[in-house]
Amino acid sequence: MKGFVCILLMSIPLFLQECQRNQSDSNRTPVVATAGHILYLDEIQAAMPLYLSKEDSIRAAEAFIDQWIKQNLLYEAAEKNLQESSDIQKMVEDYRQALMVYEYQEQVLLEKLKTEVSDQDIADYYEANKQRFLSSRNLIKGIFIKVPVHSSNLKSIKNLYRKKDEASLEQLDLLCLQHAEIYENFSSDWMSFDDVMDHIPSKIDQSKLLKSKDFLEVEDEHYCYLLRIDEYLLSGNPEPLEFVNHRIKNIIINSHKTSFLHQLEDEMKTEAEKKGQIRYY
């Protein structure tokens, strides 16, 4: 059976390729032919990734042509040496049926399913399923700055980043944008503490630091690293709603899709039974 599956996988691209040729072959530019099949220039162009350099495009096209030739030669050998059994015919028909059903479902979903999810729906799902969103990382909100240790503005930056009033933050923005190597103000957005610590050359006990300090200052011979921690959430606790908002929205949409398709299938079956289109033996 594994051999049949391999032949099926090889034959499907060729089958689809023939079905998709709507334009007249006489208006197309042939590139190579083998085993009764012709590869055209437009097919190669359609398979090429965008934004490749001229040299990379040539290499990619050569690799595509080489693979196309080998696949067609293998397919020709398979046709000559294997009889097309009922197993292969069934697998091809099963694949065609599955492909058609999938495309129809996608079309119906696009036309008839509303994908809007309200903030209240997301909040309700979050409250009912918090244990599904336990954080595997420590999360923080705050400010991170990496500034040259010999900067003439370092003292002012150290003073300003500890303050939370609007005027101080505006001054900090101006100084850091001009003099800091890295300046990240994520006081309104959760970030992984690990991601922040990747920029700081110091190994620390994260949980101990979060519970005991609001600020971290580290220096090496080149830079001073400043971290202000406004809020924190330790690993093992439910991730904040705003951190998982997008994930929950996708979960709800996928759930709606599944329910909609099941309902569609049930309605189609009921309608077919009413019309006598189903006969049980």
Protein backbone atom coordinates (compact mmCIF):
# COMPACT_ATOMS: atom_id res chain seq x y z
CA MET A 1 0.00 0.00 0.00
CA LYS A 2 2.91 2.39 0.65
CA GLY A 3 3.87 2.03 -3.00
CA PHE A 4 0.37 2.97 -4.07
CA VAL A 5 0.48 6.08 -1.87
CA CYS A 6 3.78 7.18 -3.41
CA ILE A 7 2.37 6.79 -6.92
CA LEU A 8 -0.74 8.72 -5.90
CA LEU A 9 1.31 11.58 -4.50
CA MET A 10 3.31 11.75 -7.69
CA SER A 11 0.24 11.68 -9.91
CA ILE A 12 -1.80 14.35 -8.10
CA PRO A 13 0.41 17.34 -9.09
CA LEU A 14 0.38 16.15 -12.71
CA PHE A 15 -3.41 15.71 -12.64
CA LEU A 16 -3.93 19.18 -11.19
CA GLN A 17 -1.39 20.68 -13.58
CA GLU A 18 -3.31 19.39 -16.60
CA CYS A 19 -6.65 20.58 -15.17
CA GLN A 20 -5.35 24.10 -14.57
CA ARG A 21 -4.17 24.73 -18.13
CA ASN A 22 -6.96 26.94 -19.42
CA GLN A 23 -5.02 28.95 -21.93
CA SER A 24 -4.09 27.61 -25.37
CA ASP A 25 -0.74 25.79 -25.35
CA SER A 26 0.05 27.36 -28.72
CA ASN A 27 0.36 30.75 -26.99
CA ARG A 28 2.73 29.47 -24.32
CA THR A 29 6.52 29.14 -24.31
CA PRO A 30 7.70 25.52 -23.86
CA VAL A 31 10.89 24.97 -21.86
CA VAL A 32 11.32 21.20 -21.61
CA ALA A 33 9.37 18.08 -22.54
CA THR A 34 9.59 14.51 -21.31
CA ALA A 35 7.37 11.48 -20.83
CA GLY A 36 4.58 13.02 -22.89
CA HIS A 37 4.40 16.20 -20.78
CA ILE A 38 5.57 19.74 -21.52
CA LEU A 39 6.76 22.28 -18.95
CA TYR A 40 5.97 25.87 -19.93
CA LEU A 41 7.72 29.08 -18.97
CA ASP A 42 4.65 30.53 -17.20
CA GLU A 43 4.52 27.48 -14.91
CA ILE A 44 8.13 27.99 -13.90
CA GLN A 45 7.55 31.70 -13.31
CA ALA A 46 4.49 30.98 -11.14
CA ALA A 47 6.53 28.60 -8.98
CA MET A 48 9.39 31.02 -8.34
CA PRO A 49 9.53 32.83 -4.95
CA LEU A 50 9.29 36.60 -5.08
CA TYR A 51 12.19 39.01 -4.50
CA LEU A 52 14.97 36.63 -5.58
CA SER A 53 18.11 38.00 -7.17
CA LYS A 54 18.80 37.19 -10.81
CA GLU A 55 21.37 34.54 -9.86
CA ASP A 56 19.09 32.96 -7.23
CA SER A 57 16.17 32.95 -9.68
CA ILE A 58 18.26 31.05 -12.23
CA ARG A 59 19.32 28.47 -9.63
CA ALA A 60 15.74 28.08 -8.37
CA ALA A 61 14.41 27.66 -11.93
CA GLU A 62 17.07 25.05 -12.74
CA ALA A 63 16.19 23.11 -9.58
CA PHE A 64 12.47 23.29 -10.41
CA ILE A 65 13.06 22.01 -13.96
CA ASP A 66 15.30 19.21 -12.70
CA GLN A 67 12.69 18.08 -10.17
CA TRP A 68 9.90 18.32 -12.77
CA ILE A 69 11.83 16.07 -15.18
CA LYS A 70 12.58 13.47 -12.49
CA GLN A 71 8.97 13.43 -11.29
CA ASN A 72 7.62 12.89 -14.81
CA LEU A 73 10.13 10.13 -15.54
CA LEU A 74 9.19 8.38 -12.29
CA TYR A 75 5.51 8.76 -13.09
CA GLU A 76 6.05 7.30 -16.59
CA ALA A 77 7.97 4.35 -15.10
CA ALA A 78 5.20 3.78 -12.57
CA GLU A 79 2.53 3.78 -15.30
CA LYS A 80 4.51 1.22 -17.32
CA ASN A 81 5.36 -1.10 -14.46
CA LEU A 82 2.27 -0.89 -12.27
CA GLN A 83 -1.28 -1.65 -13.20
CA GLU A 84 -3.69 1.03 -12.06
CA SER A 85 -5.46 -0.98 -9.40
CA SER A 86 -8.79 -0.25 -7.80
CA ASP A 87 -6.87 0.90 -4.72
CA ILE A 88 -5.16 3.68 -6.66
CA GLN A 89 -8.39 4.68 -8.38
CA LYS A 90 -10.13 4.88 -5.01
CA MET A 91 -7.37 6.96 -3.45
CA VAL A 92 -7.43 9.39 -6.38
CA GLU A 93 -11.21 9.69 -6.12
CA ASP A 94 -11.01 10.09 -2.33
CA TYR A 95 -8.45 12.87 -2.74
CA ARG A 96 -10.58 14.60 -5.39
CA GLN A 97 -13.66 14.36 -3.19
CA ALA A 98 -11.82 15.69 -0.14
CA LEU A 99 -10.39 18.58 -2.16
CA MET A 100 -13.79 19.51 -3.60
CA VAL A 101 -15.49 19.31 -0.17
CA TYR A 102 -12.76 21.46 1.41
CA GLU A 103 -13.03 24.13 -1.29
CA TYR A 104 -16.85 24.17 -0.98
CA GLN A 105 -16.66 24.47 2.82
CA GLU A 106 -14.22 27.36 2.55
CA GLN A 107 -16.50 29.11 0.07
CA VAL A 108 -19.59 28.68 2.26
CA LEU A 109 -17.71 29.87 5.36
CA LEU A 110 -16.49 32.94 3.51
CA GLU A 111 -19.98 33.79 2.26
CA LYS A 112 -22.16 32.98 5.25
CA LEU A 113 -20.19 32.83 8.51
CA LYS A 114 -19.74 36.03 10.48
CA THR A 115 -16.29 36.10 12.06
CA GLU A 116 -16.76 39.09 14.35
CA VAL A 117 -15.96 38.26 17.97
CA SER A 118 -16.89 40.80 20.63
CA ASP A 119 -14.60 41.83 23.48
CA GLN A 120 -17.21 40.45 25.88
CA ASP A 121 -17.12 37.04 24.18
CA ILE A 122 -13.35 36.99 24.55
CA ALA A 123 -13.51 38.07 28.20
CA ASP A 124 -16.17 35.46 29.01
CA TYR A 125 -14.11 32.69 27.38
CA TYR A 126 -11.01 33.82 29.25
CA GLU A 127 -12.78 33.78 32.64
CA ALA A 128 -14.16 30.30 31.99
CA ASN A 129 -10.86 28.87 30.73
CA LYS A 130 -8.08 30.64 32.63
CA GLN A 131 -6.33 27.37 33.45
CA ARG A 132 -5.76 26.79 29.75
CA PHE A 133 -3.55 29.88 29.59
CA LEU A 134 -1.02 29.35 32.37
CA SER A 135 2.17 31.22 31.57
CA SER A 136 5.38 29.23 31.17
CA ARG A 137 7.42 32.46 31.50
CA ASN A 138 7.69 35.43 33.80
CA LEU A 139 6.06 38.46 32.19
CA ILE A 140 6.74 42.14 32.87
CA LYS A 141 5.70 45.65 31.91
CA GLY A 142 8.20 48.49 32.11
CA ILE A 143 11.09 50.26 30.41
CA PHE A 144 14.43 48.89 29.21
CA ILE A 145 17.38 51.07 28.18
CA LYS A 146 20.87 50.18 26.95
CA VAL A 147 23.10 53.25 26.88
CA PRO A 148 26.89 53.67 26.48
CA VAL A 149 28.47 53.72 29.93
CA HIS A 150 30.50 56.84 29.11
CA SER A 151 27.55 58.83 27.74
CA SER A 152 27.34 62.37 29.11
CA ASN A 153 23.57 61.87 29.40
CA LEU A 154 23.70 58.68 31.47
CA LYS A 155 23.08 60.43 34.79
CA SER A 156 20.02 62.26 33.42
CA ILE A 157 18.65 59.05 31.88
CA LYS A 158 19.10 57.18 35.18
CA ASN A 159 17.18 59.90 36.95
CA LEU A 160 14.35 60.17 34.42
CA TYR A 161 13.63 56.47 33.81
CA ARG A 162 12.61 56.05 37.46
CA LYS A 163 9.92 58.72 37.17
CA LYS A 164 6.43 58.12 35.79
CA ASP A 165 5.09 61.61 35.22
CA GLU A 166 4.37 62.70 31.64
CA ALA A 167 7.02 65.45 31.50
CA SER A 168 9.80 63.11 32.67
CA LEU A 169 8.80 60.43 30.14
CA GLU A 170 8.87 62.98 27.31
CA GLN A 171 12.39 64.07 28.32
CA LEU A 172 13.43 60.42 28.59
CA ASP A 173 12.09 59.72 25.10
CA LEU A 174 14.11 62.58 23.63
CA LEU A 175 17.36 61.61 25.35
CA CYS A 176 17.08 57.89 24.64
CA LEU A 177 16.14 58.29 21.00
CA GLN A 178 19.34 60.29 20.53
CA HIS A 179 21.79 58.56 22.85
CA ALA A 180 20.57 55.04 23.77
CA GLU A 181 21.61 51.91 21.91
CA ILE A 182 18.27 50.28 22.82
CA TYR A 183 15.17 51.99 24.19
CA GLU A 184 12.02 49.96 24.79
CA ASN A 185 9.02 51.46 26.57
CA PHE A 186 6.62 48.56 27.11
CA SER A 187 4.86 49.95 30.16
CA SER A 188 1.51 49.24 28.47
CA ASP A 189 2.38 45.85 26.95
CA TRP A 190 3.44 42.57 28.52
CA MET A 191 6.80 41.15 27.51
CA SER A 192 8.65 37.98 28.38
CA PHE A 193 11.26 38.69 31.06
CA ASP A 194 13.54 36.22 29.26
CA ASP A 195 13.44 38.36 26.10
CA VAL A 196 14.48 41.44 28.08
CA MET A 197 17.23 39.61 29.97
CA ASP A 198 18.72 38.42 26.67
CA HIS A 199 20.03 41.98 26.33
CA ILE A 200 21.49 42.17 29.85
CA PRO A 201 24.85 40.45 30.61
CA SER A 202 23.86 39.24 34.05
CA LYS A 203 22.43 36.02 35.46
CA ILE A 204 19.80 36.65 38.10
CA ASP A 205 17.05 34.86 39.96
CA GLN A 206 14.08 36.33 38.11
CA SER A 207 11.43 35.47 40.72
CA LYS A 208 13.52 36.89 43.56
CA LEU A 209 14.22 40.10 41.63
CA LEU A 210 10.56 40.59 40.65
CA LYS A 211 9.37 40.17 44.23
CA SER A 212 11.97 42.48 45.76
CA LYS A 213 12.90 45.23 43.29
CA ASP A 214 11.33 47.65 40.83
CA PHE A 215 14.61 48.56 39.14
CA LEU A 216 17.65 46.73 37.81
CA GLU A 217 20.89 48.48 36.87
CA VAL A 218 23.83 46.55 35.41
CA GLU A 219 27.06 47.82 33.87
CA ASP A 220 29.89 46.30 31.89
CA GLU A 221 32.88 48.05 30.30
CA HIS A 222 30.80 49.34 27.38
CA TYR A 223 27.17 49.79 28.42
CA CYS A 224 24.81 50.51 31.26
CA TYR A 225 21.60 48.46 31.27
CA LEU A 226 18.56 49.97 32.98
CA LEU A 227 15.30 48.12 33.61
CA ARG A 228 12.22 49.55 35.28
CA ILE A 229 9.55 47.00 36.26
CA ASP A 230 6.05 48.45 36.51
CA GLU A 231 4.10 45.17 36.73
CA TYR A 232 5.01 41.51 36.76
CA LEU A 233 3.35 38.12 36.51
CA LEU A 234 5.19 34.99 37.60
CA SER A 235 5.17 31.82 35.53
CA GLY A 236 2.48 29.34 36.48
CA ASN A 237 -0.21 32.01 36.72
CA PRO A 238 -2.84 32.66 34.01
CA GLU A 239 -1.50 34.95 31.31
CA PRO A 240 -3.18 38.38 31.23
CA LEU A 241 -6.23 38.72 28.99
CA GLU A 242 -4.54 41.25 26.70
CA PHE A 243 -1.63 38.84 26.24
CA VAL A 244 -3.87 36.00 24.96
CA ASN A 245 -6.60 38.10 23.34
CA HIS A 246 -5.69 37.17 19.77
CA ARG A 247 -5.35 33.45 20.59
CA ILE A 248 -8.77 33.37 22.23
CA LYS A 249 -10.34 35.15 19.26
CA ASN A 250 -8.96 32.48 16.90
CA ILE A 251 -10.19 29.70 19.21
CA ILE A 252 -13.71 31.14 19.20
CA ILE A 253 -13.73 31.66 15.42
CA ASN A 254 -12.54 28.08 14.82
CA SER A 255 -15.21 26.80 17.20
CA HIS A 256 -17.85 28.77 15.28
CA LYS A 257 -16.55 27.33 12.01
CA THR A 258 -16.77 23.77 13.30
CA SER A 259 -20.30 24.27 14.67
CA PHE A 260 -21.42 25.97 11.45
CA LEU A 261 -20.11 23.14 9.25
CA HIS A 262 -21.70 20.46 11.45
CA GLN A 263 -25.00 22.31 11.27
CA LEU A 264 -24.67 22.62 7.49
CA GLU A 265 -24.04 18.88 7.15
CA ASP A 266 -27.05 18.05 9.36
CA GLU A 267 -29.33 20.39 7.41
CA MET A 268 -28.20 18.96 4.07
CA LYS A 269 -28.84 15.42 5.31
CA THR A 270 -32.30 16.33 6.66
CA GLU A 271 -33.22 18.03 3.37
CA ALA A 272 -32.02 15.06 1.33
CA GLU A 273 -34.08 12.68 3.48
CA LYS A 274 -37.20 14.81 2.97
CA LYS A 275 -36.70 14.68 -0.80
CA GLY A 276 -36.15 10.93 -0.78
CA GLN A 277 -32.58 11.28 -2.00
CA ILE A 278 -31.25 8.88 0.63
CA ARG A 279 -32.11 5.21 0.60
CA TYR A 280 -31.14 2.91 3.45
CA TYR A 281 -30.75 -0.79 2.81
